[in-house]
Amino acid sequence: MRNIKLIIEYDGTAYAGWQVQPNGLTIQEVMEKALARMLGEHTTLHASGRTDAGVHARGMVACFKTGRTMPLRAFREGLNSLLPSDIAVRDAAEVPLDFHPRFHAQAKHYRYTMLLDNLRSPLVRHTAWRVKGKLDLEAMRAACRLFVGEHDFAAFRGANCAAKTTVRRIYSMELVQEGRLLHLDINGSGFLKNMVRIITGTLIEVGQGRLSAADVARLLKGGDRQNAGMTVPPQGLCLMQVFYPGESGE
């Protein structure tokens, strides 16, 4: 048997997230059907995590096992010939049989993109969330620094989060402006359900003067979810990269 690791890019707009579910089309379902056609047998994809409906990825990692001896290039090109235009395999590599993309992941890089404009932009409506009015970017950057390190993120998790612990470590967090677009880049050891989207909503309230850096510090000391910002919409969120031992994610 061989364990094949795929790096997958997708536009999540038309999907109910990554993980197979009974009430909507998912990335995993589409990919497993393409794999079955290519391999002539059903195989299960094990991913580095899951993304919610409408969330995108540039670097989702998933593995499957097969006895097929085809070259790695054939896995990539064969899958891409069968996948729809909003999903693509960027790379395929053979890894040890005991490698698991979720259990062996050491860090993840997420990006949330905001459009700073009072007018809507049809060209980025699927990849950015529009924020009207001016934001105090320096206040937001000061708040970003408070998130770096190990904290209890109980105030920044979505409803029905099943995580056993809410403690996570953020390695870096910064705001990068690119014209009308504002990117929030977060590298961390792991993330709770909706954590990046709630952090983004909280930072926006800081930028609007509704919350202060002191409020953020209190939220990071076991604060209440009700006092944090909104869960911003999914379309601005993208999983950029997953890091494994020997790769620089910190």
Protein backbone atom coordinates (compact mmCIF):
# COMPACT_ATOMS: atom_id res chain seq x y z
CA MET A 1 0.00 0.00 0.00
CA ARG A 2 1.00 3.62 -0.57
CA ASN A 3 -0.04 6.73 1.34
CA ILE A 4 -0.53 9.66 -1.06
CA LYS A 5 -0.61 13.21 0.29
CA LEU A 6 -2.46 15.82 -1.75
CA ILE A 7 -2.28 19.62 -1.53
CA ILE A 8 -5.71 20.89 -2.55
CA GLU A 9 -6.92 24.32 -3.58
CA TYR A 10 -10.63 25.10 -3.77
CA ASP A 11 -13.25 27.80 -3.97
CA GLY A 12 -15.73 26.77 -1.29
CA THR A 13 -18.58 29.01 -2.49
CA ALA A 14 -20.74 26.21 -3.92
CA TYR A 15 -20.08 23.67 -1.16
CA ALA A 16 -21.36 22.83 2.30
CA GLY A 17 -17.80 22.67 3.61
CA TRP A 18 -15.09 20.01 3.41
CA GLN A 19 -16.51 17.06 5.33
CA VAL A 20 -19.06 14.66 3.83
CA GLN A 21 -22.56 15.28 5.18
CA PRO A 22 -26.08 14.18 4.23
CA ASN A 23 -27.59 17.58 3.50
CA GLY A 24 -25.23 19.22 1.05
CA LEU A 25 -22.50 18.73 -1.54
CA THR A 26 -19.00 18.86 -0.01
CA ILE A 27 -15.41 19.04 -1.22
CA GLN A 28 -14.58 15.64 0.28
CA GLU A 29 -17.52 13.98 -1.47
CA VAL A 30 -16.58 15.39 -4.87
CA MET A 31 -12.93 14.40 -4.45
CA GLU A 32 -13.69 10.87 -3.25
CA LYS A 33 -15.94 10.32 -6.27
CA ALA A 34 -13.14 11.50 -8.57
CA LEU A 35 -10.69 9.20 -6.79
CA ALA A 36 -13.06 6.25 -7.19
CA ARG A 37 -13.31 6.89 -10.93
CA MET A 38 -9.54 7.18 -11.28
CA LEU A 39 -8.60 4.21 -9.08
CA GLY A 40 -11.54 1.94 -9.84
CA GLU A 41 -12.23 1.52 -6.13
CA HIS A 42 -13.57 3.58 -3.24
CA THR A 43 -11.05 5.21 -0.93
CA THR A 44 -11.43 7.61 1.99
CA LEU A 45 -9.66 10.97 2.13
CA HIS A 46 -8.31 11.93 5.55
CA ALA A 47 -7.82 15.69 5.81
CA SER A 48 -5.82 18.07 7.99
CA GLY A 49 -9.11 19.48 9.26
CA ARG A 50 -12.42 20.72 7.98
CA THR A 51 -13.59 24.00 6.53
CA ASP A 52 -17.13 25.33 6.87
CA ALA A 53 -19.57 26.12 4.08
CA GLY A 54 -18.30 28.93 1.86
CA VAL A 55 -14.71 28.82 3.20
CA HIS A 56 -11.84 28.41 0.74
CA ALA A 57 -8.42 26.74 0.77
CA ARG A 58 -5.11 27.16 -0.98
CA GLY A 59 -3.36 24.47 1.01
CA MET A 60 -5.76 21.85 2.36
CA VAL A 61 -3.84 18.62 3.00
CA ALA A 62 -5.47 15.22 2.59
CA CYS A 63 -4.22 11.65 2.27
CA PHE A 64 -5.54 8.42 0.84
CA LYS A 65 -4.14 4.89 0.62
CA THR A 66 -3.93 2.85 -2.53
CA GLY A 67 -2.14 -0.12 -4.02
CA ARG A 68 -1.93 1.51 -7.44
CA THR A 69 1.62 1.92 -8.76
CA MET A 70 0.96 4.92 -11.02
CA PRO A 71 3.46 7.81 -10.80
CA LEU A 72 2.69 10.76 -8.54
CA ARG A 73 2.22 13.09 -11.49
CA ALA A 74 -0.56 10.81 -12.73
CA PHE A 75 -2.45 11.14 -9.43
CA ARG A 76 -2.40 14.92 -9.71
CA GLU A 77 -3.20 15.17 -13.40
CA GLY A 78 -5.72 12.33 -13.31
CA LEU A 79 -7.68 13.93 -10.49
CA ASN A 80 -7.58 17.38 -12.06
CA SER A 81 -9.04 15.97 -15.27
CA LEU A 82 -12.03 14.67 -13.26
CA LEU A 83 -12.57 17.51 -10.79
CA PRO A 84 -14.76 20.59 -11.38
CA SER A 85 -13.11 23.93 -12.10
CA ASP A 86 -13.45 25.13 -8.47
CA ILE A 87 -11.30 22.30 -7.03
CA ALA A 88 -7.71 21.46 -8.01
CA VAL A 89 -4.88 19.26 -6.75
CA ARG A 90 -1.73 21.39 -6.57
CA ASP A 91 0.68 18.63 -5.59
CA ALA A 92 0.86 14.90 -4.85
CA ALA A 93 3.57 13.22 -2.77
CA GLU A 94 4.12 9.82 -1.23
CA VAL A 95 4.45 9.84 2.56
CA PRO A 96 4.97 7.12 5.22
CA LEU A 97 1.99 4.85 5.81
CA ASP A 98 1.58 6.11 9.39
CA PHE A 99 1.43 9.79 8.35
CA HIS A 100 -1.90 11.43 9.18
CA PRO A 101 -2.54 14.98 7.94
CA ARG A 102 -4.52 16.02 11.03
CA PHE A 103 -2.67 14.27 13.85
CA HIS A 104 0.78 15.22 12.56
CA ALA A 105 0.00 18.86 11.74
CA GLN A 106 1.98 21.32 13.87
CA ALA A 107 0.57 24.65 12.69
CA LYS A 108 -1.90 26.21 10.29
CA HIS A 109 -1.99 29.52 8.47
CA TYR A 110 -5.40 31.10 7.89
CA ARG A 111 -6.13 34.37 6.11
CA TYR A 112 -9.30 36.43 6.44
CA THR A 113 -9.77 39.10 3.79
CA MET A 114 -11.88 42.22 4.20
CA LEU A 115 -12.88 44.71 1.50
CA LEU A 116 -12.62 48.25 2.90
CA ASP A 117 -15.15 50.00 0.71
CA ASN A 118 -18.58 51.54 1.07
CA LEU A 119 -19.45 50.18 -2.38
CA ARG A 120 -19.74 46.48 -3.11
CA SER A 121 -17.28 44.79 -5.46
CA PRO A 122 -18.71 42.00 -7.64
CA LEU A 123 -15.19 40.73 -8.41
CA VAL A 124 -14.30 39.85 -4.80
CA ARG A 125 -17.74 39.03 -3.42
CA HIS A 126 -16.81 35.35 -2.99
CA THR A 127 -13.37 35.94 -1.45
CA ALA A 128 -13.72 38.98 0.81
CA TRP A 129 -16.23 40.47 3.24
CA ARG A 130 -17.04 44.15 2.80
CA VAL A 131 -16.58 46.44 5.80
CA LYS A 132 -18.07 49.92 5.51
CA GLY A 133 -16.62 53.02 7.11
CA LYS A 134 -13.14 53.73 8.40
CA LEU A 135 -11.19 51.44 10.70
CA ASP A 136 -8.45 52.38 13.15
CA LEU A 137 -5.81 50.01 11.80
CA GLU A 138 -3.24 50.91 14.43
CA ALA A 139 -5.66 50.02 17.24
CA MET A 140 -6.40 46.75 15.45
CA ARG A 141 -2.69 45.96 15.10
CA ALA A 142 -2.15 46.65 18.80
CA ALA A 143 -4.96 44.22 19.59
CA CYS A 144 -3.44 41.63 17.25
CA ARG A 145 -0.32 41.53 19.40
CA LEU A 146 -2.39 40.53 22.43
CA PHE A 147 -3.50 37.31 20.74
CA VAL A 148 0.06 36.06 20.18
CA GLY A 149 1.07 33.33 22.63
CA GLU A 150 -0.86 30.65 24.49
CA HIS A 151 -4.32 31.68 25.64
CA ASP A 152 -7.73 30.34 26.55
CA PHE A 153 -9.88 31.10 23.49
CA ALA A 154 -13.20 30.13 25.09
CA ALA A 155 -14.64 33.53 24.13
CA PHE A 156 -13.68 32.97 20.50
CA ARG A 157 -15.32 29.64 19.66
CA GLY A 158 -18.55 28.96 17.87
CA ALA A 159 -21.64 27.25 19.23
CA ASN A 160 -21.46 23.47 19.53
CA CYS A 161 -17.66 23.47 19.44
CA ALA A 162 -16.67 19.95 20.49
CA ALA A 163 -13.04 20.68 21.38
CA LYS A 164 -11.94 19.19 24.70
CA THR A 165 -9.79 22.19 25.56
CA THR A 166 -10.06 25.82 24.49
CA VAL A 167 -6.35 26.60 25.01
CA ARG A 168 -4.49 27.30 21.77
CA ARG A 169 -1.18 28.93 20.80
CA ILE A 170 -0.97 31.71 18.22
CA TYR A 171 2.51 32.06 16.71
CA SER A 172 1.90 35.22 14.69
CA MET A 173 -0.96 37.51 13.77
CA GLU A 174 -0.79 40.54 11.52
CA LEU A 175 -2.84 42.83 9.34
CA VAL A 176 -1.62 43.42 5.78
CA GLN A 177 -3.25 46.07 3.60
CA GLU A 178 -3.31 45.60 -0.16
CA GLY A 179 -5.17 48.49 -1.73
CA ARG A 180 -8.81 48.20 -0.71
CA LEU A 181 -8.21 44.72 0.72
CA LEU A 182 -7.20 44.11 4.32
CA HIS A 183 -5.82 40.66 5.14
CA LEU A 184 -5.66 39.19 8.63
CA ASP A 185 -2.98 36.47 8.64
CA ILE A 186 -2.99 34.09 11.61
CA ASN A 187 -0.53 31.25 12.25
CA GLY A 188 -1.37 28.96 15.15
CA SER A 189 -1.03 25.50 16.59
CA GLY A 190 -4.72 24.83 15.99
CA PHE A 191 -8.06 26.57 15.87
CA LEU A 192 -11.47 26.15 17.48
CA LYS A 193 -14.69 26.19 15.50
CA ASN A 194 -15.18 29.68 13.97
CA MET A 195 -12.22 30.98 15.97
CA VAL A 196 -10.61 32.99 13.16
CA ARG A 197 -13.96 34.46 12.11
CA ILE A 198 -14.79 35.54 15.69
CA ILE A 199 -11.31 37.01 16.21
CA THR A 200 -11.79 38.97 12.98
CA GLY A 201 -15.19 40.24 14.12
CA THR A 202 -13.64 41.31 17.43
CA LEU A 203 -10.80 43.16 15.70
CA ILE A 204 -13.29 45.00 13.50
CA GLU A 205 -15.09 46.21 16.63
CA VAL A 206 -11.73 47.43 17.94
CA GLY A 207 -11.18 49.25 14.66
CA GLN A 208 -14.61 50.83 14.97
CA GLY A 209 -13.96 51.94 18.56
CA ARG A 210 -16.59 49.65 20.07
CA LEU A 211 -14.00 47.51 21.87
CA SER A 212 -10.61 48.40 23.32
CA ALA A 213 -7.35 46.52 23.71
CA ALA A 214 -8.25 46.14 27.41
CA ASP A 215 -11.50 44.45 26.40
CA VAL A 216 -9.54 41.99 24.23
CA ALA A 217 -7.18 41.24 27.11
CA ARG A 218 -10.16 40.46 29.36
CA LEU A 219 -11.69 38.18 26.72
CA LEU A 220 -8.43 36.24 26.56
CA LYS A 221 -8.61 35.60 30.30
CA GLY A 222 -11.55 33.25 30.02
CA GLY A 223 -14.07 35.79 28.80
CA ASP A 224 -17.65 35.22 27.67
CA ARG A 225 -18.42 34.62 23.98
CA GLN A 226 -21.26 37.14 24.23
CA ASN A 227 -18.75 39.94 24.84
CA ALA A 228 -16.58 39.18 21.79
CA GLY A 229 -17.26 40.32 18.24
CA MET A 230 -19.56 38.78 15.67
CA THR A 231 -18.77 35.69 13.65
CA VAL A 232 -17.94 37.29 10.31
CA PRO A 233 -19.19 35.63 7.09
CA PRO A 234 -17.30 32.63 5.69
CA GLN A 235 -16.36 33.89 2.23
CA GLY A 236 -13.38 35.94 3.45
CA LEU A 237 -11.69 32.95 5.10
CA CYS A 238 -9.04 30.83 3.40
CA LEU A 239 -6.83 28.02 4.72
CA MET A 240 -3.48 29.02 3.27
CA GLN A 241 -1.08 26.31 4.49
CA VAL A 242 -0.69 23.45 6.94
CA PHE A 243 2.74 22.91 8.48
CA TYR A 244 4.35 19.60 9.49
CA PRO A 245 7.55 18.67 11.37
CA GLY A 246 10.54 20.17 9.60
CA GLU A 247 8.48 22.97 8.03
CA SER A 248 8.49 26.52 9.35
CA GLY A 249 5.07 27.33 10.76
CA GLU A 250 6.04 29.21 13.90
